[in-house]
């Protein structure tokens, strides 16, 4: 078997395993939960009304944000966005969708970490978490040594 044939075989096996993994993730409890609450949220008339309200509040805040804290309505506009977010948290479908989305994101991140670290422990895996749990970065005392 030539090197090219072996590489093609290895790549075919990798693609096959990738399909198996993606199928398993699509059948996961996290995915089912996410899709269920996404549909419930999208059909909720109260959520639809709050999304329109949020869009207007964010648009107003973005106008103020161009000038920063010095804009006379900056804090008022920011408070309006936070108030709509709080209203949204009071709606079960939106709250549960957000929880399910976070659970699915965690699953995807954990699988990514396993795959990346199977190749090398030094591979960094991007996360949506603003306070990452794994590894360090520049200035945090991580592996770069500058902390």
Protein backbone atom coordinates (compact mmCIF):
# COMPACT_ATOMS: atom_id res chain seq x y z
CA UNK A 1 0.00 0.00 0.00
CA UNK A 2 1.44 3.37 -1.00
CA UNK A 3 1.72 6.35 1.36
CA UNK A 4 -1.03 8.15 -0.58
CA UNK A 5 -3.37 5.16 -0.26
CA UNK A 6 -2.63 4.89 3.48
CA UNK A 7 -3.30 8.61 3.98
CA UNK A 8 -6.59 8.31 2.07
CA UNK A 9 -7.58 5.33 4.22
CA UNK A 10 -6.67 7.18 7.44
CA UNK A 11 -8.64 10.21 6.31
CA UNK A 12 -11.65 8.06 5.38
CA UNK A 13 -11.57 6.46 8.82
CA UNK A 14 -11.33 9.89 10.43
CA UNK A 15 -14.32 11.14 8.44
CA UNK A 16 -16.31 8.04 9.37
CA UNK A 17 -15.55 8.51 13.08
CA UNK A 18 -16.42 12.21 12.77
CA UNK A 19 -19.83 11.30 11.32
CA UNK A 20 -20.39 8.84 14.19
CA UNK A 21 -19.50 11.52 16.73
CA UNK A 22 -21.74 14.15 15.13
CA UNK A 23 -24.62 11.66 14.94
CA UNK A 24 -24.19 10.86 18.64
CA UNK A 25 -24.20 14.56 19.50
CA UNK A 26 -27.33 15.15 17.40
CA UNK A 27 -29.04 12.35 19.36
CA UNK A 28 -27.86 13.69 22.75
CA UNK A 29 -30.16 14.78 25.56
CA UNK A 30 -28.59 18.25 25.36
CA UNK A 31 -29.51 18.63 21.68
CA UNK A 32 -33.05 17.36 22.22
CA UNK A 33 -33.52 19.72 25.17
CA UNK A 34 -32.10 22.64 23.17
CA UNK A 35 -34.38 22.01 20.16
CA UNK A 36 -37.46 21.56 22.37
CA UNK A 37 -36.97 24.85 24.24
CA UNK A 38 -35.93 26.70 21.08
CA UNK A 39 -39.23 25.77 19.44
CA UNK A 40 -41.20 26.63 22.57
CA UNK A 41 -39.48 30.01 22.81
CA UNK A 42 -39.98 30.81 19.11
CA UNK A 43 -43.70 30.11 19.44
CA UNK A 44 -44.17 32.14 22.63
CA UNK A 45 -46.01 35.41 21.83
CA UNK A 46 -44.69 37.02 25.01
CA UNK A 47 -41.10 36.29 23.94
CA UNK A 48 -41.78 37.69 20.47
CA UNK A 49 -43.06 40.94 21.99
CA UNK A 50 -40.06 41.18 24.33
CA UNK A 51 -37.65 40.53 21.46
CA UNK A 52 -39.11 43.50 19.59
CA UNK A 53 -38.85 45.57 22.78
CA UNK A 54 -35.25 44.38 23.26
CA UNK A 55 -34.34 45.32 19.70
CA UNK A 56 -35.57 48.88 20.24
CA UNK A 57 -33.83 49.15 23.62
CA UNK A 58 -30.53 47.86 22.17
CA UNK A 59 -30.78 50.23 19.22
CA UNK A 60 -31.25 53.16 21.60
CA UNK A 61 -28.36 51.98 23.78
CA UNK A 62 -26.06 51.60 20.76
CA UNK A 63 -26.76 55.21 19.84
CA UNK A 64 -25.77 56.30 23.34
CA UNK A 65 -22.82 53.91 23.48
CA UNK A 66 -21.13 55.69 20.58
CA UNK A 67 -20.42 58.51 23.04
CA UNK A 68 -19.81 56.27 26.04
CA UNK A 69 -20.63 57.05 29.65
CA UNK A 70 -20.66 60.75 28.83
CA UNK A 71 -23.87 60.56 26.81
CA UNK A 72 -26.65 62.03 28.97
CA UNK A 73 -28.94 59.00 28.37
CA UNK A 74 -26.28 56.27 28.53
CA UNK A 75 -27.24 54.83 31.91
CA UNK A 76 -30.96 55.16 31.22
CA UNK A 77 -30.57 53.27 27.93
CA UNK A 78 -28.42 50.59 29.59
CA UNK A 79 -30.98 50.17 32.37
CA UNK A 80 -33.73 49.75 29.75
CA UNK A 81 -31.81 46.89 28.11
CA UNK A 82 -31.22 45.24 31.49
CA UNK A 83 -34.90 45.61 32.38
CA UNK A 84 -35.98 43.79 29.20
CA UNK A 85 -33.39 41.06 29.89
CA UNK A 86 -34.86 40.65 33.38
CA UNK A 87 -38.37 40.43 31.91
CA UNK A 88 -37.13 37.76 29.50
CA UNK A 89 -35.69 35.76 32.42
CA UNK A 90 -39.19 35.68 33.89
CA UNK A 91 -40.54 33.72 30.93
CA UNK A 92 -40.06 29.97 31.29
CA UNK A 93 -39.44 29.22 27.60
CA UNK A 94 -36.73 31.89 27.31
CA UNK A 95 -35.11 30.95 30.62
CA UNK A 96 -35.07 27.23 29.78
CA UNK A 97 -33.82 27.88 26.25
CA UNK A 98 -30.90 29.83 27.68
CA UNK A 99 -30.14 26.99 30.12
CA UNK A 100 -30.37 24.36 27.35
CA UNK A 101 -28.18 26.46 25.06
CA UNK A 102 -25.52 26.69 27.77
CA UNK A 103 -25.66 22.91 28.36
CA UNK A 104 -25.23 22.23 24.63
CA UNK A 105 -22.38 24.73 24.43
CA UNK A 106 -20.68 22.97 27.36
CA UNK A 107 -21.06 19.59 25.64
CA UNK A 108 -19.56 20.94 22.40
CA UNK A 109 -16.70 22.57 24.30
CA UNK A 110 -15.94 19.41 26.30
CA UNK A 111 -15.86 17.28 23.13
CA UNK A 112 -13.59 19.88 21.48
CA UNK A 113 -11.20 19.75 24.44
CA UNK A 114 -11.00 15.94 24.30
CA UNK A 115 -10.28 16.01 20.56
CA UNK A 116 -7.75 18.84 20.77
CA UNK A 117 -5.88 17.34 23.73
CA UNK A 118 -5.76 13.95 22.01
CA UNK A 119 -3.56 15.70 19.45
CA UNK A 120 -1.60 17.89 21.88
CA UNK A 121 -2.14 19.28 25.39
CA UNK A 122 -0.95 22.70 24.18
CA UNK A 123 -3.79 23.20 21.69
CA UNK A 124 -6.12 25.95 22.82
CA UNK A 125 -9.85 25.40 22.42
CA UNK A 126 -12.04 28.49 22.02
CA UNK A 127 -14.94 28.81 24.43
CA UNK A 128 -17.95 31.09 24.85
CA UNK A 129 -17.19 31.27 28.57
CA UNK A 130 -15.81 34.72 29.47
CA UNK A 131 -13.96 33.11 32.39
CA UNK A 132 -12.29 30.01 30.90
CA UNK A 133 -11.62 27.10 33.25
CA UNK A 134 -8.81 25.40 31.32
CA UNK A 135 -5.31 26.66 30.77
CA UNK A 136 -3.97 30.13 31.15
CA UNK A 137 -3.44 33.02 28.89
CA UNK A 138 -0.94 35.79 28.60
CA UNK A 139 -0.94 37.78 31.82
CA UNK A 140 -2.72 35.12 33.86
CA UNK A 141 0.36 33.20 34.88
CA UNK A 142 -0.34 30.55 32.27
CA UNK A 143 2.09 28.56 30.20
CA UNK A 144 3.39 31.57 28.28
CA UNK A 145 5.38 32.58 31.37
CA UNK A 146 4.58 36.27 31.23
CA UNK A 147 2.30 36.26 34.31
